[in-house]
Amino acid sequence: MRFIVYGAGGVGGIIGARLHQQGYQVVLIARGEHARVMQQHGLRLVAPDGTAVLQMPIVTRPQALEFSRDDVVLLCMKSQHTIAALEDLQRAGASQAAIVCAQNGVANERMALRRFQRTYGMLVNLPAVHLEPGEVLTHAQGRGGILDAGCFPGGVDETAVVLTDALERAGFSAQPDPVVMRKKYAKLLMNLGNALQAATEMAEGADLVARQLRAEGLACYRAAGIDCASAEETRSRHEGVYDMVDLPGRPRGGGSSWQSIVRGTGNIESDYLNGEIVLLGRLHGVPTPANQVCQQLAWRMVSERLPVGHFGVAAVKQLIEAAT
């Protein structure tokens, strides 16, 4: 089995690095300066167990590879880039490969299944930071993260078992799960605060907005009949997996949306996080003012090149009140 990590940023870079360290065949697909630095100098992995510079195959597009049924493609880009990535995989002749959506949100699996029969969902709970070209960081001590996987829309097959076994050997906590989307919907509730964190840096009072974001999400799930792992299930799955530790001279920073703003990528994932709840609300008649405002603020930050923490919590609350 060859692992092709498409999107070798924080999450993808760490997964690919750990698999490579265990002797698995790994290819990273990256772009821009990040790809150039890795091709010339290797991927620098900074983690609690030490720093390593790893040399592995790096390509900038799927068309540089020849695909077979033994390939497992881990989609690790953000959801706004998924369709373009899938189209590139189609052009590259990857129709028989397994496509694993190792991504936040719940829309990617449907995008992939339209094009690829062997589609898998993967829960990703992996603290990762990617701010500099050629470098990824993780502050997770213990197991490197949770990477449960199963077939989409449901079930477990040999590929899911072999994949999770490889990830276990690579230092992660990974279980085959026939209903992994339940966990992904629960993770989406956690990710609803990503844009809020980028906008306010979770200043005093932001926790109340975060609770409203989650409450709106749960209301939409109930209206849509969506099965979601409970808070107790989520806590139980996470218990004892890893601890967050400090790395000397390497502050933890924020989540994926925060990192997008800091890096100035010019795009953000909010349409597939808060926007997923807004969509469900519009389909099922559930008001979602907090998620709507956070989705809009994220795009303002991108389009106006605003820094993280630009918005005060009071201003965010006023916008939510006006949208109610």
C-alpha atoms as a PDB file:
ATOM      1  CA  MET A   1       0.000   0.000   0.000  1.00  0.00           C
ATOM      2  CA  ARG A   2       1.331   3.420  -0.988  1.00  0.00           C
ATOM      3  CA  PHE A   3       0.154   6.489   0.895  1.00  0.00           C
ATOM      4  CA  ILE A   4      -0.264   9.642  -1.169  1.00  0.00           C
ATOM      5  CA  VAL A   5      -0.830  12.657   1.065  1.00  0.00           C
ATOM      6  CA  TYR A   6      -2.536  15.349  -0.979  1.00  0.00           C
ATOM      7  CA  GLY A   7      -2.182  18.580   0.954  1.00  0.00           C
ATOM      8  CA  ALA A   8       0.977  18.317   3.043  1.00  0.00           C
ATOM      9  CA  GLY A   9       0.328  21.201   5.411  1.00  0.00           C
ATOM     10  CA  GLY A  10       0.008  20.747   9.159  1.00  0.00           C
ATOM     11  CA  VAL A  11      -2.197  17.647   9.297  1.00  0.00           C
ATOM     12  CA  GLY A  12      -1.011  16.082   6.054  1.00  0.00           C
ATOM     13  CA  GLY A  13       2.628  16.804   6.728  1.00  0.00           C
ATOM     14  CA  ILE A  14       2.516  15.187  10.167  1.00  0.00           C
ATOM     15  CA  ILE A  15       0.614  12.116   8.963  1.00  0.00           C
ATOM     16  CA  GLY A  16       2.974  11.669   6.029  1.00  0.00           C
ATOM     17  CA  ALA A  17       6.048  12.196   8.199  1.00  0.00           C
ATOM     18  CA  ARG A  18       5.006   9.650  10.814  1.00  0.00           C
ATOM     19  CA  LEU A  19       4.111   7.020   8.203  1.00  0.00           C
ATOM     20  CA  HIS A  20       7.446   7.625   6.467  1.00  0.00           C
ATOM     21  CA  GLN A  21       9.324   7.226   9.758  1.00  0.00           C
ATOM     22  CA  GLN A  22       7.769   3.761  10.122  1.00  0.00           C
ATOM     23  CA  GLY A  23       8.998   2.700   6.694  1.00  0.00           C
ATOM     24  CA  TYR A  24       5.779   3.058   4.716  1.00  0.00           C
ATOM     25  CA  GLN A  25       5.914   4.256   1.119  1.00  0.00           C
ATOM     26  CA  VAL A  26       4.744   7.865   1.194  1.00  0.00           C
ATOM     27  CA  VAL A  27       4.443  10.579  -1.440  1.00  0.00           C
ATOM     28  CA  LEU A  28       3.506  14.150  -0.538  1.00  0.00           C
ATOM     29  CA  ILE A  29       1.606  16.409  -2.930  1.00  0.00           C
ATOM     30  CA  ALA A  30       2.221  20.029  -2.011  1.00  0.00           C
ATOM     31  CA  ARG A  31       2.384  23.358  -3.768  1.00  0.00           C
ATOM     32  CA  GLY A  32       4.200  26.671  -3.884  1.00  0.00           C
ATOM     33  CA  GLU A  33       7.068  27.581  -1.605  1.00  0.00           C
ATOM     34  CA  HIS A  34       6.212  24.774   0.815  1.00  0.00           C
ATOM     35  CA  ALA A  35       6.776  22.203  -1.933  1.00  0.00           C
ATOM     36  CA  ARG A  36       9.952  23.901  -3.131  1.00  0.00           C
ATOM     37  CA  VAL A  37      11.509  23.963   0.341  1.00  0.00           C
ATOM     38  CA  MET A  38      10.636  20.324   1.004  1.00  0.00           C
ATOM     39  CA  GLN A  39      12.033  19.233  -2.354  1.00  0.00           C
ATOM     40  CA  GLN A  40      15.334  21.021  -1.675  1.00  0.00           C
ATOM     41  CA  HIS A  41      15.759  20.561   2.071  1.00  0.00           C
ATOM     42  CA  GLY A  42      13.231  17.939   3.234  1.00  0.00           C
ATOM     43  CA  LEU A  43      10.266  18.248   5.576  1.00  0.00           C
ATOM     44  CA  ARG A  44      11.142  19.540   9.031  1.00  0.00           C
ATOM     45  CA  LEU A  45       8.974  17.888  11.699  1.00  0.00           C
ATOM     46  CA  VAL A  46       9.028  19.522  15.135  1.00  0.00           C
ATOM     47  CA  ALA A  47       7.395  17.465  17.891  1.00  0.00           C
ATOM     48  CA  PRO A  48       7.704  16.713  21.609  1.00  0.00           C
ATOM     49  CA  ASP A  49       9.834  13.647  20.814  1.00  0.00           C
ATOM     50  CA  GLY A  50      12.349  15.716  18.875  1.00  0.00           C
ATOM     51  CA  THR A  51      12.978  17.424  15.557  1.00  0.00           C
ATOM     52  CA  ALA A  52      13.587  15.497  12.342  1.00  0.00           C
ATOM     53  CA  VAL A  53      14.274  16.502   8.761  1.00  0.00           C
ATOM     54  CA  LEU A  54      12.779  13.913   6.451  1.00  0.00           C
ATOM     55  CA  GLN A  55      13.524  13.318   2.788  1.00  0.00           C
ATOM     56  CA  MET A  56      10.625  11.794   0.864  1.00  0.00           C
ATOM     57  CA  PRO A  57       9.126  12.123  -2.615  1.00  0.00           C
ATOM     58  CA  ILE A  58       7.425  15.489  -3.170  1.00  0.00           C
ATOM     59  CA  VAL A  59       5.349  16.314  -6.239  1.00  0.00           C
ATOM     60  CA  THR A  60       3.267  19.380  -6.992  1.00  0.00           C
ATOM     61  CA  ARG A  61       0.374  17.733  -8.830  1.00  0.00           C
ATOM     62  CA  PRO A  62      -1.203  14.267  -9.095  1.00  0.00           C
ATOM     63  CA  GLN A  63      -0.393  14.072 -12.806  1.00  0.00           C
ATOM     64  CA  ALA A  64       3.233  13.442 -11.824  1.00  0.00           C
ATOM     65  CA  LEU A  65       2.229  10.030 -10.439  1.00  0.00           C
ATOM     66  CA  GLU A  66       0.973   6.753 -11.856  1.00  0.00           C
ATOM     67  CA  PHE A  67      -1.897   5.441  -9.744  1.00  0.00           C
ATOM     68  CA  SER A  68      -3.022   1.893  -8.944  1.00  0.00           C
ATOM     69  CA  ARG A  69      -5.650   0.196  -6.796  1.00  0.00           C
ATOM     70  CA  ASP A  70      -3.047  -0.215  -4.043  1.00  0.00           C
ATOM     71  CA  ASP A  71      -2.800   3.553  -3.568  1.00  0.00           C
ATOM     72  CA  VAL A  72      -4.480   5.301  -0.656  1.00  0.00           C
ATOM     73  CA  VAL A  73      -4.896   9.035  -1.241  1.00  0.00           C
ATOM     74  CA  LEU A  74      -5.296  11.027   1.953  1.00  0.00           C
ATOM     75  CA  LEU A  75      -7.029  14.310   1.164  1.00  0.00           C
ATOM     76  CA  CYS A  76      -5.645  16.737   3.742  1.00  0.00           C
ATOM     77  CA  MET A  77      -6.351  20.069   2.088  1.00  0.00           C
ATOM     78  CA  LYS A  78      -9.061  22.366   3.437  1.00  0.00           C
ATOM     79  CA  SER A  79     -12.543  21.804   2.094  1.00  0.00           C
ATOM     80  CA  GLN A  80     -12.573  24.839  -0.215  1.00  0.00           C
ATOM     81  CA  HIS A  81      -9.822  23.147  -2.242  1.00  0.00           C
ATOM     82  CA  THR A  82     -11.381  19.677  -2.419  1.00  0.00           C
ATOM     83  CA  ILE A  83     -13.201  19.889  -5.755  1.00  0.00           C
ATOM     84  CA  ALA A  84     -10.117  21.121  -7.597  1.00  0.00           C
ATOM     85  CA  ALA A  85      -8.062  18.336  -5.997  1.00  0.00           C
ATOM     86  CA  LEU A  86     -10.593  15.683  -6.978  1.00  0.00           C
ATOM     87  CA  GLU A  87     -10.659  16.940 -10.555  1.00  0.00           C
ATOM     88  CA  ASP A  88      -6.866  16.726 -10.694  1.00  0.00           C
ATOM     89  CA  LEU A  89      -7.021  13.151  -9.381  1.00  0.00           C
ATOM     90  CA  GLN A  90      -9.544  12.287 -12.090  1.00  0.00           C
ATOM     91  CA  ARG A  91      -7.274  13.721 -14.773  1.00  0.00           C
ATOM     92  CA  ALA A  92      -4.357  11.763 -13.327  1.00  0.00           C
ATOM     93  CA  GLY A  93      -6.200   8.447 -13.669  1.00  0.00           C
ATOM     94  CA  ALA A  94      -6.710   7.716  -9.955  1.00  0.00           C
ATOM     95  CA  SER A  95     -10.149   6.146 -10.443  1.00  0.00           C
ATOM     96  CA  GLN A  96      -9.220   2.879  -8.676  1.00  0.00           C
ATOM     97  CA  ALA A  97      -7.430   4.466  -5.721  1.00  0.00           C
ATOM     98  CA  ALA A  98      -8.928   4.747  -2.252  1.00  0.00           C
ATOM     99  CA  ILE A  99      -9.810   8.365  -1.431  1.00  0.00           C
ATOM    100  CA  VAL A 100      -9.720   9.179   2.285  1.00  0.00           C
ATOM    101  CA  CYS A 101     -11.176  12.493   3.436  1.00  0.00           C
ATOM    102  CA  ALA A 102      -8.823  13.329   6.314  1.00  0.00           C
ATOM    103  CA  GLN A 103     -10.426  16.738   6.639  1.00  0.00           C
ATOM    104  CA  ASN A 104     -12.634  18.836   8.864  1.00  0.00           C
ATOM    105  CA  GLY A 105     -16.249  19.298   7.909  1.00  0.00           C
ATOM    106  CA  VAL A 106     -18.726  16.799   6.493  1.00  0.00           C
ATOM    107  CA  ALA A 107     -19.058  17.874   2.851  1.00  0.00           C
ATOM    108  CA  ASN A 108     -15.878  16.361   1.411  1.00  0.00           C
ATOM    109  CA  GLU A 109     -17.056  12.752   1.387  1.00  0.00           C
ATOM    110  CA  ARG A 110     -20.044  13.590  -0.808  1.00  0.00           C
ATOM    111  CA  MET A 111     -17.796  15.528  -3.178  1.00  0.00           C
ATOM    112  CA  ALA A 112     -15.450  12.552  -3.427  1.00  0.00           C
ATOM    113  CA  LEU A 113     -18.125   9.886  -3.792  1.00  0.00           C
ATOM    114  CA  ARG A 114     -19.497  11.628  -6.884  1.00  0.00           C
ATOM    115  CA  ARG A 115     -16.181  10.852  -8.573  1.00  0.00           C
ATOM    116  CA  PHE A 116     -14.572   7.927  -6.737  1.00  0.00           C
ATOM    117  CA  GLN A 117     -16.278   4.716  -5.693  1.00  0.00           C
ATOM    118  CA  ARG A 118     -13.779   3.910  -2.937  1.00  0.00           C
ATOM    119  CA  THR A 119     -14.395   6.878  -0.646  1.00  0.00           C
ATOM    120  CA  TYR A 120     -13.638   6.919   3.090  1.00  0.00           C
ATOM    121  CA  GLY A 121     -14.305   9.325   5.911  1.00  0.00           C
ATOM    122  CA  MET A 122     -11.683  10.021   8.546  1.00  0.00           C
ATOM    123  CA  LEU A 123     -12.058  11.786  11.870  1.00  0.00           C
ATOM    124  CA  VAL A 124      -9.096  14.114  12.315  1.00  0.00           C
ATOM    125  CA  ASN A 125      -8.222  15.242  15.796  1.00  0.00           C
ATOM    126  CA  LEU A 126      -4.563  16.053  15.380  1.00  0.00           C
ATOM    127  CA  PRO A 127      -3.042  19.252  16.789  1.00  0.00           C
ATOM    128  CA  ALA A 128      -0.916  20.612  13.987  1.00  0.00           C
ATOM    129  CA  VAL A 129       0.714  23.912  13.094  1.00  0.00           C
ATOM    130  CA  HIS A 130       1.997  24.929   9.665  1.00  0.00           C
ATOM    131  CA  LEU A 131       3.153  28.534   9.419  1.00  0.00           C
ATOM    132  CA  GLU A 132       6.534  28.293   7.669  1.00  0.00           C
ATOM    133  CA  PRO A 133       7.372  26.630   4.318  1.00  0.00           C
ATOM    134  CA  GLY A 134       8.946  23.226   4.779  1.00  0.00           C
ATOM    135  CA  GLU A 135       7.980  22.887   8.439  1.00  0.00           C
ATOM    136  CA  VAL A 136       5.148  21.315  10.458  1.00  0.00           C
ATOM    137  CA  LEU A 137       4.757  21.235  14.224  1.00  0.00           C
ATOM    138  CA  THR A 138       2.736  19.215  16.678  1.00  0.00           C
ATOM    139  CA  HIS A 139       2.377  19.804  20.405  1.00  0.00           C
ATOM    140  CA  ALA A 140       0.791  16.373  21.023  1.00  0.00           C
ATOM    141  CA  GLN A 141       2.645  14.142  23.464  1.00  0.00           C
ATOM    142  CA  GLY A 142       1.599  10.503  23.613  1.00  0.00           C
ATOM    143  CA  ARG A 143      -0.394   9.251  20.670  1.00  0.00           C
ATOM    144  CA  GLY A 144      -0.081  11.862  17.944  1.00  0.00           C
ATOM    145  CA  GLY A 145      -3.797  12.280  17.387  1.00  0.00           C
ATOM    146  CA  ILE A 146      -7.047  10.466  16.642  1.00  0.00           C
ATOM    147  CA  LEU A 147      -7.555   9.252  13.062  1.00  0.00           C
ATOM    148  CA  ASP A 148     -10.532   6.868  13.006  1.00  0.00           C
ATOM    149  CA  ALA A 149     -11.727   5.872   9.528  1.00  0.00           C
ATOM    150  CA  GLY A 150     -14.462   3.969   7.730  1.00  0.00           C
ATOM    151  CA  CYS A 151     -16.152   3.603   4.378  1.00  0.00           C
ATOM    152  CA  PHE A 152     -18.490   6.335   3.190  1.00  0.00           C
ATOM    153  CA  PRO A 153     -21.431   6.370   3.590  1.00  0.00           C
ATOM    154  CA  GLY A 154     -20.878   3.537   6.060  1.00  0.00           C
ATOM    155  CA  GLY A 155     -19.149   0.270   6.814  1.00  0.00           C
ATOM    156  CA  VAL A 156     -15.613  -1.025   7.178  1.00  0.00           C
ATOM    157  CA  ASP A 157     -13.565  -2.956   4.625  1.00  0.00           C
ATOM    158  CA  GLU A 158     -10.038  -4.318   4.376  1.00  0.00           C
ATOM    159  CA  THR A 159      -8.641  -0.973   3.238  1.00  0.00           C
ATOM    160  CA  ALA A 160     -10.033   0.793   6.305  1.00  0.00           C
ATOM    161  CA  VAL A 161      -8.543  -1.880   8.571  1.00  0.00           C
ATOM    162  CA  VAL A 162      -5.109  -1.788   6.913  1.00  0.00           C
ATOM    163  CA  LEU A 163      -5.112   2.020   6.879  1.00  0.00           C
ATOM    164  CA  THR A 164      -5.925   2.392  10.573  1.00  0.00           C
ATOM    165  CA  ASP A 165      -3.427  -0.328  11.474  1.00  0.00           C
ATOM    166  CA  ALA A 166      -0.702   1.593   9.629  1.00  0.00           C
ATOM    167  CA  LEU A 167      -1.651   4.795  11.422  1.00  0.00           C
ATOM    168  CA  GLU A 168      -1.563   2.989  14.758  1.00  0.00           C
ATOM    169  CA  ARG A 169       1.944   1.760  13.962  1.00  0.00           C
ATOM    170  CA  ALA A 170       2.875   5.326  13.036  1.00  0.00           C
ATOM    171  CA  GLY A 171       1.996   6.533  16.520  1.00  0.00           C
ATOM    172  CA  PHE A 172      -1.595   7.681  16.194  1.00  0.00           C
ATOM    173  CA  SER A 173      -4.761   6.354  17.791  1.00  0.00           C
ATOM    174  CA  ALA A 174      -6.750   5.016  14.843  1.00  0.00           C
ATOM    175  CA  GLN A 175      -9.748   2.685  14.833  1.00  0.00           C
ATOM    176  CA  PRO A 176     -11.833   1.347  11.945  1.00  0.00           C
ATOM    177  CA  ASP A 177     -15.337   2.739  12.441  1.00  0.00           C
ATOM    178  CA  PRO A 178     -18.365   1.788  10.303  1.00  0.00           C
ATOM    179  CA  VAL A 179     -20.203   4.957  11.382  1.00  0.00           C
ATOM    180  CA  VAL A 180     -17.305   7.389  11.473  1.00  0.00           C
ATOM    181  CA  MET A 181     -19.467  10.249  10.175  1.00  0.00           C
ATOM    182  CA  ARG A 182     -21.148  10.419  13.608  1.00  0.00           C
ATOM    183  CA  LYS A 183     -17.761  11.443  14.987  1.00  0.00           C
ATOM    184  CA  LYS A 184     -17.155  13.871  12.144  1.00  0.00           C
ATOM    185  CA  TYR A 185     -20.442  15.650  12.859  1.00  0.00           C
ATOM    186  CA  ALA A 186     -19.378  15.916  16.502  1.00  0.00           C
ATOM    187  CA  LYS A 187     -15.991  17.304  15.418  1.00  0.00           C
ATOM    188  CA  LEU A 188     -17.800  19.862  13.255  1.00  0.00           C
ATOM    189  CA  LEU A 189     -19.433  21.237  16.398  1.00  0.00           C
ATOM    190  CA  MET A 190     -15.951  21.803  17.817  1.00  0.00           C
ATOM    191  CA  ASN A 191     -14.761  23.477  14.611  1.00  0.00           C
ATOM    192  CA  LEU A 192     -17.618  25.995  14.627  1.00  0.00           C
ATOM    193  CA  GLY A 193     -15.431  28.120  16.902  1.00  0.00           C
ATOM    194  CA  ASN A 194     -12.543  28.288  14.423  1.00  0.00           C
ATOM    195  CA  ALA A 195     -13.670  31.525  12.777  1.00  0.00           C
ATOM    196  CA  LEU A 196     -14.575  33.009  16.159  1.00  0.00           C
ATOM    197  CA  GLN A 197     -11.067  32.269  17.409  1.00  0.00           C
ATOM    198  CA  ALA A 198      -9.535  33.952  14.368  1.00  0.00           C
ATOM    199  CA  ALA A 199     -11.822  36.976  14.696  1.00  0.00           C
ATOM    200  CA  THR A 200     -11.558  37.558  18.464  1.00  0.00           C
ATOM    201  CA  GLU A 201      -8.657  35.384  19.674  1.00  0.00           C
ATOM    202  CA  MET A 202     -11.266  34.120  22.163  1.00  0.00           C
ATOM    203  CA  ALA A 203     -11.184  37.262  24.275  1.00  0.00           C
ATOM    204  CA  GLU A 204     -13.362  37.467  27.364  1.00  0.00           C
ATOM    205  CA  GLY A 205     -16.977  36.641  26.586  1.00  0.00           C
ATOM    206  CA  ALA A 206     -16.250  34.723  23.389  1.00  0.00           C
ATOM    207  CA  ASP A 207     -17.099  31.459  25.148  1.00  0.00           C
ATOM    208  CA  LEU A 208     -20.745  32.514  25.267  1.00  0.00           C
ATOM    209  CA  VAL A 209     -20.745  32.992  21.501  1.00  0.00           C
ATOM    210  CA  ALA A 210     -19.093  29.590  21.099  1.00  0.00           C
ATOM    211  CA  ARG A 211     -21.918  27.992  23.086  1.00  0.00           C
ATOM    212  CA  GLN A 212     -24.457  29.630  20.801  1.00  0.00           C
ATOM    213  CA  LEU A 213     -22.612  28.324  17.736  1.00  0.00           C
ATOM    214  CA  ARG A 214     -22.795  24.787  19.130  1.00  0.00           C
ATOM    215  CA  ALA A 215     -26.444  25.139  20.181  1.00  0.00           C
ATOM    216  CA  GLU A 216     -27.392  26.228  16.671  1.00  0.00           C
ATOM    217  CA  GLY A 217     -25.493  23.268  15.230  1.00  0.00           C
ATOM    218  CA  LEU A 218     -27.253  20.775  17.492  1.00  0.00           C
ATOM    219  CA  ALA A 219     -30.637  22.307  16.654  1.00  0.00           C
ATOM    220  CA  CYS A 220     -29.906  21.869  12.952  1.00  0.00           C
ATOM    221  CA  TYR A 221     -28.835  18.252  13.488  1.00  0.00           C
ATOM    222  CA  ARG A 222     -32.102  17.498  15.269  1.00  0.00           C
ATOM    223  CA  ALA A 223     -34.145  19.140  12.526  1.00  0.00           C
ATOM    224  CA  ALA A 224     -32.247  17.285   9.805  1.00  0.00           C
ATOM    225  CA  GLY A 225     -32.274  13.920  11.620  1.00  0.00           C
ATOM    226  CA  ILE A 226     -28.459  13.778  11.667  1.00  0.00           C
ATOM    227  CA  ASP A 227     -26.858  11.272  14.024  1.00  0.00           C
ATOM    228  CA  CYS A 228     -24.008  12.802  15.987  1.00  0.00           C
ATOM    229  CA  ALA A 229     -21.682  11.308  18.581  1.00  0.00           C
ATOM    230  CA  SER A 230     -22.524  12.580  22.042  1.00  0.00           C
ATOM    231  CA  ALA A 231     -20.264  14.749  24.162  1.00  0.00           C
ATOM    232  CA  GLU A 232     -19.726  11.775  26.468  1.00  0.00           C
ATOM    233  CA  GLU A 233     -18.673   9.561  23.560  1.00  0.00           C
ATOM    234  CA  THR A 234     -16.273  12.223  22.347  1.00  0.00           C
ATOM    235  CA  ARG A 235     -14.716  12.695  25.789  1.00  0.00           C
ATOM    236  CA  SER A 236     -14.331   8.944  26.213  1.00  0.00           C
ATOM    237  CA  ARG A 237     -12.613   8.585  22.824  1.00  0.00           C
ATOM    238  CA  HIS A 238     -10.169  11.380  23.608  1.00  0.00           C
ATOM    239  CA  GLU A 239      -9.343  10.361  27.154  1.00  0.00           C
ATOM    240  CA  GLY A 240      -5.687   9.488  27.605  1.00  0.00           C
ATOM    241  CA  VAL A 241      -4.783   9.720  23.910  1.00  0.00           C
ATOM    242  CA  TYR A 242      -2.400  12.682  24.089  1.00  0.00           C
ATOM    243  CA  ASP A 243      -1.439  15.707  26.158  1.00  0.00           C
ATOM    244  CA  MET A 244      -0.664  19.145  24.811  1.00  0.00           C
ATOM    245  CA  VAL A 245       2.841  20.255  25.780  1.00  0.00           C
ATOM    246  CA  ASP A 246       4.949  23.317  25.095  1.00  0.00           C
ATOM    247  CA  LEU A 247       7.760  23.280  22.566  1.00  0.00           C
ATOM    248  CA  PRO A 248      10.643  25.645  23.428  1.00  0.00           C
ATOM    249  CA  GLY A 249      10.339  28.784  21.341  1.00  0.00           C
ATOM    250  CA  ARG A 250       7.299  27.430  19.510  1.00  0.00           C
ATOM    251  CA  PRO A 251       4.018  28.926  20.736  1.00  0.00           C
ATOM    252  CA  ARG A 252       0.931  26.837  20.070  1.00  0.00           C
ATOM    253  CA  GLY A 253      -0.983  29.505  18.175  1.00  0.00           C
ATOM    254  CA  GLY A 254      -4.513  28.827  16.992  1.00  0.00           C
ATOM    255  CA  GLY A 255      -6.508  26.398  14.900  1.00  0.00           C
ATOM    256  CA  SER A 256      -6.725  25.976  11.158  1.00  0.00           C
ATOM    257  CA  SER A 257      -8.686  29.164  10.405  1.00  0.00           C
ATOM    258  CA  TRP A 258      -6.404  31.208  12.664  1.00  0.00           C
ATOM    259  CA  GLN A 259      -3.427  29.810  10.783  1.00  0.00           C
ATOM    260  CA  SER A 260      -5.000  30.667   7.412  1.00  0.00           C
ATOM    261  CA  ILE A 261      -5.293  34.313   8.483  1.00  0.00           C
ATOM    262  CA  VAL A 262      -1.774  34.448   9.937  1.00  0.00           C
ATOM    263  CA  ARG A 263      -0.285  32.908   6.797  1.00  0.00           C
ATOM    264  CA  GLY A 264      -2.314  35.207   4.511  1.00  0.00           C
ATOM    265  CA  THR A 265      -3.523  32.349   2.305  1.00  0.00           C
ATOM    266  CA  GLY A 266      -6.329  34.449   0.822  1.00  0.00           C
ATOM    267  CA  ASN A 267      -8.988  31.828   1.569  1.00  0.00           C
ATOM    268  CA  ILE A 268     -10.643  30.234   4.580  1.00  0.00           C
ATOM    269  CA  GLU A 269     -12.670  27.143   5.458  1.00  0.00           C
ATOM    270  CA  SER A 270     -15.646  28.828   7.117  1.00  0.00           C
ATOM    271  CA  ASP A 271     -18.120  28.035   4.308  1.00  0.00           C
ATOM    272  CA  TYR A 272     -17.711  24.340   5.154  1.00  0.00           C
ATOM    273  CA  LEU A 273     -17.750  24.783   8.948  1.00  0.00           C
ATOM    274  CA  ASN A 274     -20.115  27.555  10.029  1.00  0.00           C
ATOM    275  CA  GLY A 275     -21.503  27.531   6.495  1.00  0.00           C
ATOM    276  CA  GLU A 276     -22.537  23.888   6.879  1.00  0.00           C
ATOM    277  CA  ILE A 277     -24.750  24.860   9.825  1.00  0.00           C
ATOM    278  CA  VAL A 278     -26.112  27.874   7.945  1.00  0.00           C
ATOM    279  CA  LEU A 279     -26.986  25.576   5.047  1.00  0.00           C
ATOM    280  CA  LEU A 280     -28.740  23.059   7.302  1.00  0.00           C
ATOM    281  CA  GLY A 281     -30.608  25.868   9.001  1.00  0.00           C
ATOM    282  CA  ARG A 282     -31.877  27.243   5.704  1.00  0.00           C
ATOM    283  CA  LEU A 283     -32.904  23.793   4.520  1.00  0.00           C
ATOM    284  CA  HIS A 284     -34.787  22.945   7.708  1.00  0.00           C
ATOM    285  CA  GLY A 285     -36.053  26.293   8.964  1.00  0.00           C
ATOM    286  CA  VAL A 286     -33.669  26.688  11.913  1.00  0.00           C
ATOM    287  CA  PRO A 287     -32.281  30.166  12.722  1.00  0.00           C
ATOM    288  CA  THR A 288     -28.467  30.254  12.767  1.00  0.00           C
ATOM    289  CA  PRO A 289     -27.486  33.911  13.329  1.00  0.00           C
ATOM    290  CA  ALA A 290     -24.256  33.209  15.234  1.00  0.00           C
ATOM    291  CA  ASN A 291     -22.911  30.836  12.584  1.00  0.00           C
ATOM    292  CA  GLN A 292     -23.995  33.191   9.822  1.00  0.00           C
ATOM    293  CA  VAL A 293     -22.110  36.098  11.417  1.00  0.00           C
ATOM    294  CA  CYS A 294     -18.955  34.041  12.030  1.00  0.00           C
ATOM    295  CA  GLN A 295     -19.010  32.799   8.434  1.00  0.00           C
ATOM    296  CA  GLN A 296     -19.266  36.389   7.205  1.00  0.00           C
ATOM    297  CA  LEU A 297     -16.563  37.694   9.568  1.00  0.00           C
ATOM    298  CA  ALA A 298     -14.161  35.029   8.347  1.00  0.00           C
ATOM    299  CA  TRP A 299     -14.605  36.188   4.787  1.00  0.00           C
ATOM    300  CA  ARG A 300     -14.210  39.824   5.804  1.00  0.00           C
ATOM    301  CA  MET A 301     -10.900  38.959   7.413  1.00  0.00           C
ATOM    302  CA  VAL A 302      -9.720  37.288   4.218  1.00  0.00           C
ATOM    303  CA  SER A 303     -11.006  39.864   1.739  1.00  0.00           C
ATOM    304  CA  GLU A 304      -9.924  42.902   3.791  1.00  0.00           C
ATOM    305  CA  ARG A 305      -6.673  41.277   4.997  1.00  0.00           C
ATOM    306  CA  LEU A 306      -7.567  41.879   8.629  1.00  0.00           C
ATOM    307  CA  PRO A 307      -5.323  40.488  11.380  1.00  0.00           C
ATOM    308  CA  VAL A 308      -6.360  37.827  13.851  1.00  0.00           C
ATOM    309  CA  GLY A 309      -8.236  39.272  16.804  1.00  0.00           C
ATOM    310  CA  HIS A 310      -9.472  42.251  14.775  1.00  0.00           C
ATOM    311  CA  PHE A 311     -13.050  42.047  16.064  1.00  0.00           C
ATOM    312  CA  GLY A 312     -14.107  42.724  19.648  1.00  0.00           C
ATOM    313  CA  VAL A 313     -16.462  40.251  21.287  1.00  0.00           C
ATOM    314  CA  ALA A 314     -19.029  42.980  21.954  1.00  0.00           C
ATOM    315  CA  ALA A 315     -19.121  43.868  18.256  1.00  0.00           C
ATOM    316  CA  VAL A 316     -19.596  40.213  17.315  1.00  0.00           C
ATOM    317  CA  LYS A 317     -22.482  39.894  19.770  1.00  0.00           C
ATOM    318  CA  GLN A 318     -24.096  43.020  18.327  1.00  0.00           C
ATOM    319  CA  LEU A 319     -23.891  41.590  14.818  1.00  0.00           C
ATOM    320  CA  ILE A 320     -25.471  38.330  15.999  1.00  0.00           C
ATOM    321  CA  GLU A 321     -28.264  40.238  17.735  1.00  0.00           C
ATOM    322  CA  ALA A 322     -28.915  42.219  14.551  1.00  0.00           C
ATOM    323  CA  ALA A 323     -29.070  38.967  12.537  1.00  0.00           C
ATOM    324  CA  THR A 324     -31.528  37.319  14.922  1.00  0.00           C
END
